[in-house]
N, C-alpha and C. Protein backbone atom coordinates (compact mmCIF):
# COMPACT_ATOMS: atom_id res chain seq x y z
N MET A 1 109.96 87.35 96.60
CA MET A 1 110.43 86.26 97.88
C MET A 1 109.33 85.24 97.72
N PHE A 2 107.78 85.62 97.38
CA PHE A 2 106.81 85.05 97.16
C PHE A 2 105.58 85.94 97.05
N VAL A 3 104.13 85.21 96.70
CA VAL A 3 103.16 86.01 96.50
C VAL A 3 102.21 85.50 97.41
N LEU A 4 101.55 86.43 97.97
CA LEU A 4 100.26 86.85 99.16
C LEU A 4 98.82 86.80 98.47
N PHE A 5 97.91 84.87 98.18
CA PHE A 5 96.39 85.88 98.18
C PHE A 5 95.49 85.56 99.49
N TYR A 6 94.64 85.96 99.35
CA TYR A 6 93.86 86.85 100.56
C TYR A 6 92.30 86.52 99.73
N LYS A 7 91.86 86.01 100.79
CA LYS A 7 90.33 86.12 100.49
C LYS A 7 89.88 86.10 101.41
N GLU A 8 88.66 86.89 102.15
CA GLU A 8 87.94 86.62 103.25
C GLU A 8 86.65 85.71 103.55
N THR A 9 87.17 85.54 104.16
CA THR A 9 86.01 84.27 104.65
C THR A 9 85.96 83.73 106.54
N GLN A 10 85.49 83.40 106.90
CA GLN A 10 84.92 82.57 107.94
C GLN A 10 85.90 81.92 108.62
N GLY A 11 87.11 82.30 109.68
CA GLY A 11 87.90 81.20 109.56
C GLY A 11 89.02 81.28 108.93
N TYR A 12 89.84 80.30 109.00
CA TYR A 12 91.33 80.45 108.45
C TYR A 12 91.30 79.41 107.84
N ASN A 13 92.09 79.46 106.10
CA ASN A 13 92.37 78.40 105.56
C ASN A 13 93.74 78.89 104.76
N ILE A 14 94.59 77.96 105.02
CA ILE A 14 96.44 78.45 104.97
C ILE A 14 96.84 77.32 104.03
N GLY A 15 97.30 77.75 102.63
CA GLY A 15 97.53 77.15 101.64
C GLY A 15 98.80 77.43 101.65
N PHE A 16 100.12 76.59 101.33
CA PHE A 16 102.00 77.16 100.90
C PHE A 16 101.96 75.93 99.79
N VAL A 17 102.62 76.79 98.33
CA VAL A 17 102.86 76.32 97.60
C VAL A 17 104.18 76.94 97.35
N ALA A 18 104.90 75.60 96.30
CA ALA A 18 106.13 75.36 95.56
C ALA A 18 106.06 75.20 94.24
N SER A 19 106.70 75.48 93.27
CA SER A 19 106.67 75.00 92.28
C SER A 19 107.44 74.10 91.46
N LYS A 20 107.65 73.82 90.67
CA LYS A 20 108.84 73.06 90.44
C LYS A 20 110.00 73.86 90.20
N LYS A 21 109.41 75.20 89.67
CA LYS A 21 110.11 76.47 89.45
C LYS A 21 111.07 76.70 90.33
N ILE A 22 110.87 76.19 91.74
CA ILE A 22 111.92 76.38 92.72
C ILE A 22 112.74 75.48 92.43
N GLY A 23 112.71 74.45 92.06
CA GLY A 23 114.11 73.07 92.22
C GLY A 23 113.52 71.81 92.47
N ASN A 24 114.59 70.65 92.96
CA ASN A 24 114.10 69.85 93.16
C ASN A 24 113.54 69.89 94.86
N ALA A 25 112.34 68.87 95.30
CA ALA A 25 111.97 68.13 96.22
C ALA A 25 112.41 68.98 97.83
N VAL A 26 114.11 68.77 97.63
CA VAL A 26 114.13 69.59 98.79
C VAL A 26 114.24 71.07 98.89
N LYS A 27 114.23 71.51 97.95
CA LYS A 27 114.62 72.75 97.88
C LYS A 27 113.11 73.43 97.84
N ARG A 28 112.23 72.64 97.38
CA ARG A 28 110.24 73.40 97.73
C ARG A 28 110.19 73.19 98.73
N ASN A 29 110.41 72.02 99.80
CA ASN A 29 109.84 71.65 101.12
C ASN A 29 109.95 72.60 101.81
N ARG A 30 111.49 73.21 101.71
CA ARG A 30 112.17 74.47 102.60
C ARG A 30 111.64 75.50 102.04
N ALA A 31 111.34 75.81 100.99
CA ALA A 31 110.70 77.02 101.24
C ALA A 31 109.25 77.01 101.53
N LYS A 32 108.52 75.87 101.19
CA LYS A 32 107.45 75.81 102.05
C LYS A 32 107.52 75.71 103.53
N ARG A 33 108.31 75.53 104.34
CA ARG A 33 108.75 75.48 105.86
C ARG A 33 109.43 76.79 106.33
N LEU A 34 109.92 77.42 105.34
CA LEU A 34 109.61 78.72 105.58
C LEU A 34 109.07 79.93 105.91
N LEU A 35 107.61 79.01 104.80
CA LEU A 35 106.88 80.20 104.42
C LEU A 35 105.49 79.83 105.78
N ARG A 36 106.19 78.12 106.33
CA ARG A 36 104.94 78.13 107.21
C ARG A 36 105.34 78.93 108.65
N ALA A 37 107.11 79.27 109.06
CA ALA A 37 107.10 79.41 109.63
C ALA A 37 106.95 80.98 109.89
N LEU A 38 107.23 81.23 108.62
CA LEU A 38 107.05 83.41 108.74
C LEU A 38 105.51 83.62 108.72
N PHE A 39 104.34 82.64 108.13
CA PHE A 39 102.90 82.76 108.72
C PHE A 39 102.90 81.80 110.52
N LEU A 40 103.21 81.57 111.15
CA LEU A 40 103.33 81.09 112.49
C LEU A 40 103.77 82.34 113.35
N VAL A 41 104.64 83.10 112.59
CA VAL A 41 105.27 83.89 113.47
C VAL A 41 103.69 84.97 113.74
N TYR A 42 102.97 85.78 112.31
CA TYR A 42 102.02 86.75 112.96
C TYR A 42 101.13 86.05 112.80
N CYS A 43 100.34 84.86 112.58
CA CYS A 43 99.08 84.10 112.58
C CYS A 43 98.01 84.79 113.99
N ASP A 44 98.61 85.04 114.72
CA ASP A 44 97.58 85.72 115.94
C ASP A 44 97.34 87.38 115.65
N ASN A 45 98.09 87.68 114.73
CA ASN A 45 98.08 89.37 114.19
C ASN A 45 96.75 89.17 113.34
N LEU A 46 96.75 87.83 112.47
CA LEU A 46 96.30 88.41 110.99
C LEU A 46 95.13 88.04 111.34
N LYS A 47 93.55 88.58 110.02
CA LYS A 47 92.52 88.81 110.21
C LYS A 47 92.04 87.58 110.10
N GLU A 48 91.06 86.89 109.76
CA GLU A 48 90.62 86.09 109.38
C GLU A 48 90.14 86.00 107.79
N GLY A 49 90.78 84.30 106.88
CA GLY A 49 90.55 84.51 105.35
C GLY A 49 91.13 83.72 105.05
N SER A 50 91.06 83.24 103.65
CA SER A 50 91.57 82.16 103.37
C SER A 50 92.87 83.03 102.46
N TYR A 51 94.24 82.41 103.17
CA TYR A 51 95.35 82.75 102.47
C TYR A 51 96.02 81.26 101.51
N ILE A 52 97.18 82.19 101.11
CA ILE A 52 97.87 81.19 99.95
C ILE A 52 99.00 81.74 99.91
N LEU A 53 100.10 81.53 100.52
CA LEU A 53 101.36 81.66 99.65
C LEU A 53 101.89 80.87 98.85
N VAL A 54 102.20 81.57 97.71
CA VAL A 54 103.34 80.92 96.51
C VAL A 54 104.87 80.84 96.97
N ALA A 55 105.54 80.40 96.91
CA ALA A 55 106.96 80.82 97.10
C ALA A 55 107.65 80.78 95.62
N LYS A 56 108.72 81.85 95.54
CA LYS A 56 109.31 82.22 94.65
C LYS A 56 110.77 81.54 95.10
N GLN A 57 111.53 81.94 93.73
CA GLN A 57 113.15 81.53 93.81
C GLN A 57 113.95 82.28 94.90
N PRO A 58 113.90 84.18 94.46
CA PRO A 58 114.10 84.41 96.20
C PRO A 58 114.59 84.03 97.68
N LEU A 59 113.38 83.52 97.88
CA LEU A 59 113.04 82.98 99.05
C LEU A 59 114.33 82.20 99.28
N LEU A 60 114.61 81.30 98.91
CA LEU A 60 116.12 80.15 99.31
C LEU A 60 116.71 81.06 99.40
N GLU A 61 116.98 82.37 98.92
CA GLU A 61 118.37 82.71 99.15
C GLU A 61 118.82 84.07 99.83
N SER A 62 117.60 83.98 100.86
CA SER A 62 117.45 84.79 101.27
C SER A 62 117.23 84.50 102.98
N THR A 63 118.11 85.15 103.85
CA THR A 63 117.84 84.90 105.43
C THR A 63 116.47 85.19 105.62
N PHE A 64 116.58 84.23 107.11
CA PHE A 64 115.01 84.52 107.74
C PHE A 64 114.90 85.66 107.91
N ALA A 65 115.43 86.23 108.39
CA ALA A 65 115.51 87.41 109.06
C ALA A 65 114.67 88.53 107.97
N ASN A 66 115.21 88.42 106.76
CA ASN A 66 115.36 89.40 105.82
C ASN A 66 113.71 89.37 105.62
N ALA A 67 113.48 87.42 104.97
CA ALA A 67 112.25 87.24 104.63
C ALA A 67 110.95 87.60 105.64
N LYS A 68 111.28 87.97 106.83
CA LYS A 68 110.64 88.04 108.02
C LYS A 68 110.09 89.55 107.71
N GLU A 69 111.09 90.06 107.70
CA GLU A 69 110.80 91.84 107.33
C GLU A 69 110.01 92.19 106.32
N ILE A 70 110.12 91.72 104.74
CA ILE A 70 109.49 91.58 103.91
C ILE A 70 108.02 90.55 104.13
N PHE A 71 107.56 89.94 104.62
CA PHE A 71 106.88 89.36 104.96
C PHE A 71 105.73 90.54 106.04
N LEU A 72 106.31 91.31 107.10
CA LEU A 72 105.79 91.96 107.70
C LEU A 72 105.19 93.49 106.87
N THR A 73 106.10 93.77 105.94
CA THR A 73 105.87 94.39 105.02
C THR A 73 104.42 94.44 104.03
N THR A 74 105.13 93.11 103.55
CA THR A 74 103.39 92.87 103.25
C THR A 74 102.42 92.98 103.46
N LEU A 75 101.88 92.18 104.90
CA LEU A 75 100.88 91.94 105.63
C LEU A 75 100.11 93.56 106.10
N LYS A 76 101.43 94.54 106.06
CA LYS A 76 100.99 95.75 106.21
C LYS A 76 100.34 96.39 104.97
N ARG A 77 101.13 96.56 104.36
CA ARG A 77 100.74 96.85 102.95
C ARG A 77 99.30 96.43 102.67
N SER A 78 98.98 94.69 102.46
CA SER A 78 97.79 94.35 102.53
C SER A 78 96.75 94.99 103.52
N SER A 79 96.65 95.79 104.42
CA SER A 79 96.17 96.08 105.69
C SER A 79 95.37 94.35 106.21
N LEU A 80 96.27 93.32 106.13
CA LEU A 80 95.74 91.81 106.75
C LEU A 80 96.07 91.90 108.28
N LEU A 81 96.73 92.79 108.99
CA LEU A 81 97.22 92.59 110.27
C LEU A 81 96.06 93.99 110.87
N ARG A 82 95.27 92.40 112.16
CA ARG A 82 94.48 93.53 113.26
C ARG A 82 95.47 93.62 114.67
N GLY A 83 94.99 94.54 115.37
CA GLY A 83 95.40 94.91 116.01
C GLY A 83 97.10 95.22 116.17
N ARG A 84 97.43 95.41 117.69
CA ARG A 84 98.94 95.80 117.70
C ARG A 84 99.73 94.30 117.43
N LEU A 85 100.94 94.39 116.72
CA LEU A 85 101.74 93.40 117.08
C LEU A 85 102.77 93.12 118.58
N ARG A 86 102.84 92.04 118.97
CA ARG A 86 103.56 92.12 120.68
C ARG A 86 105.35 91.87 120.29
């Protein structure tokens, strides 16, 4: 659904990317809004660093709950969560 790039740095830098392969401007903006919403759910529990989230086509075809579950799994596998989730 998406690709996550991370680099350890001081503070937070966040970028959301959706290429023209996703679709027209409406679809690209929707994909970036979904990524932003997913990021905001867990932003308090993330390690400091630079994050780049690249949207893929399946993101637009899934539900928010499914995308949220996959996002959490990705963060756990990448060891980017700090502390406990609320």
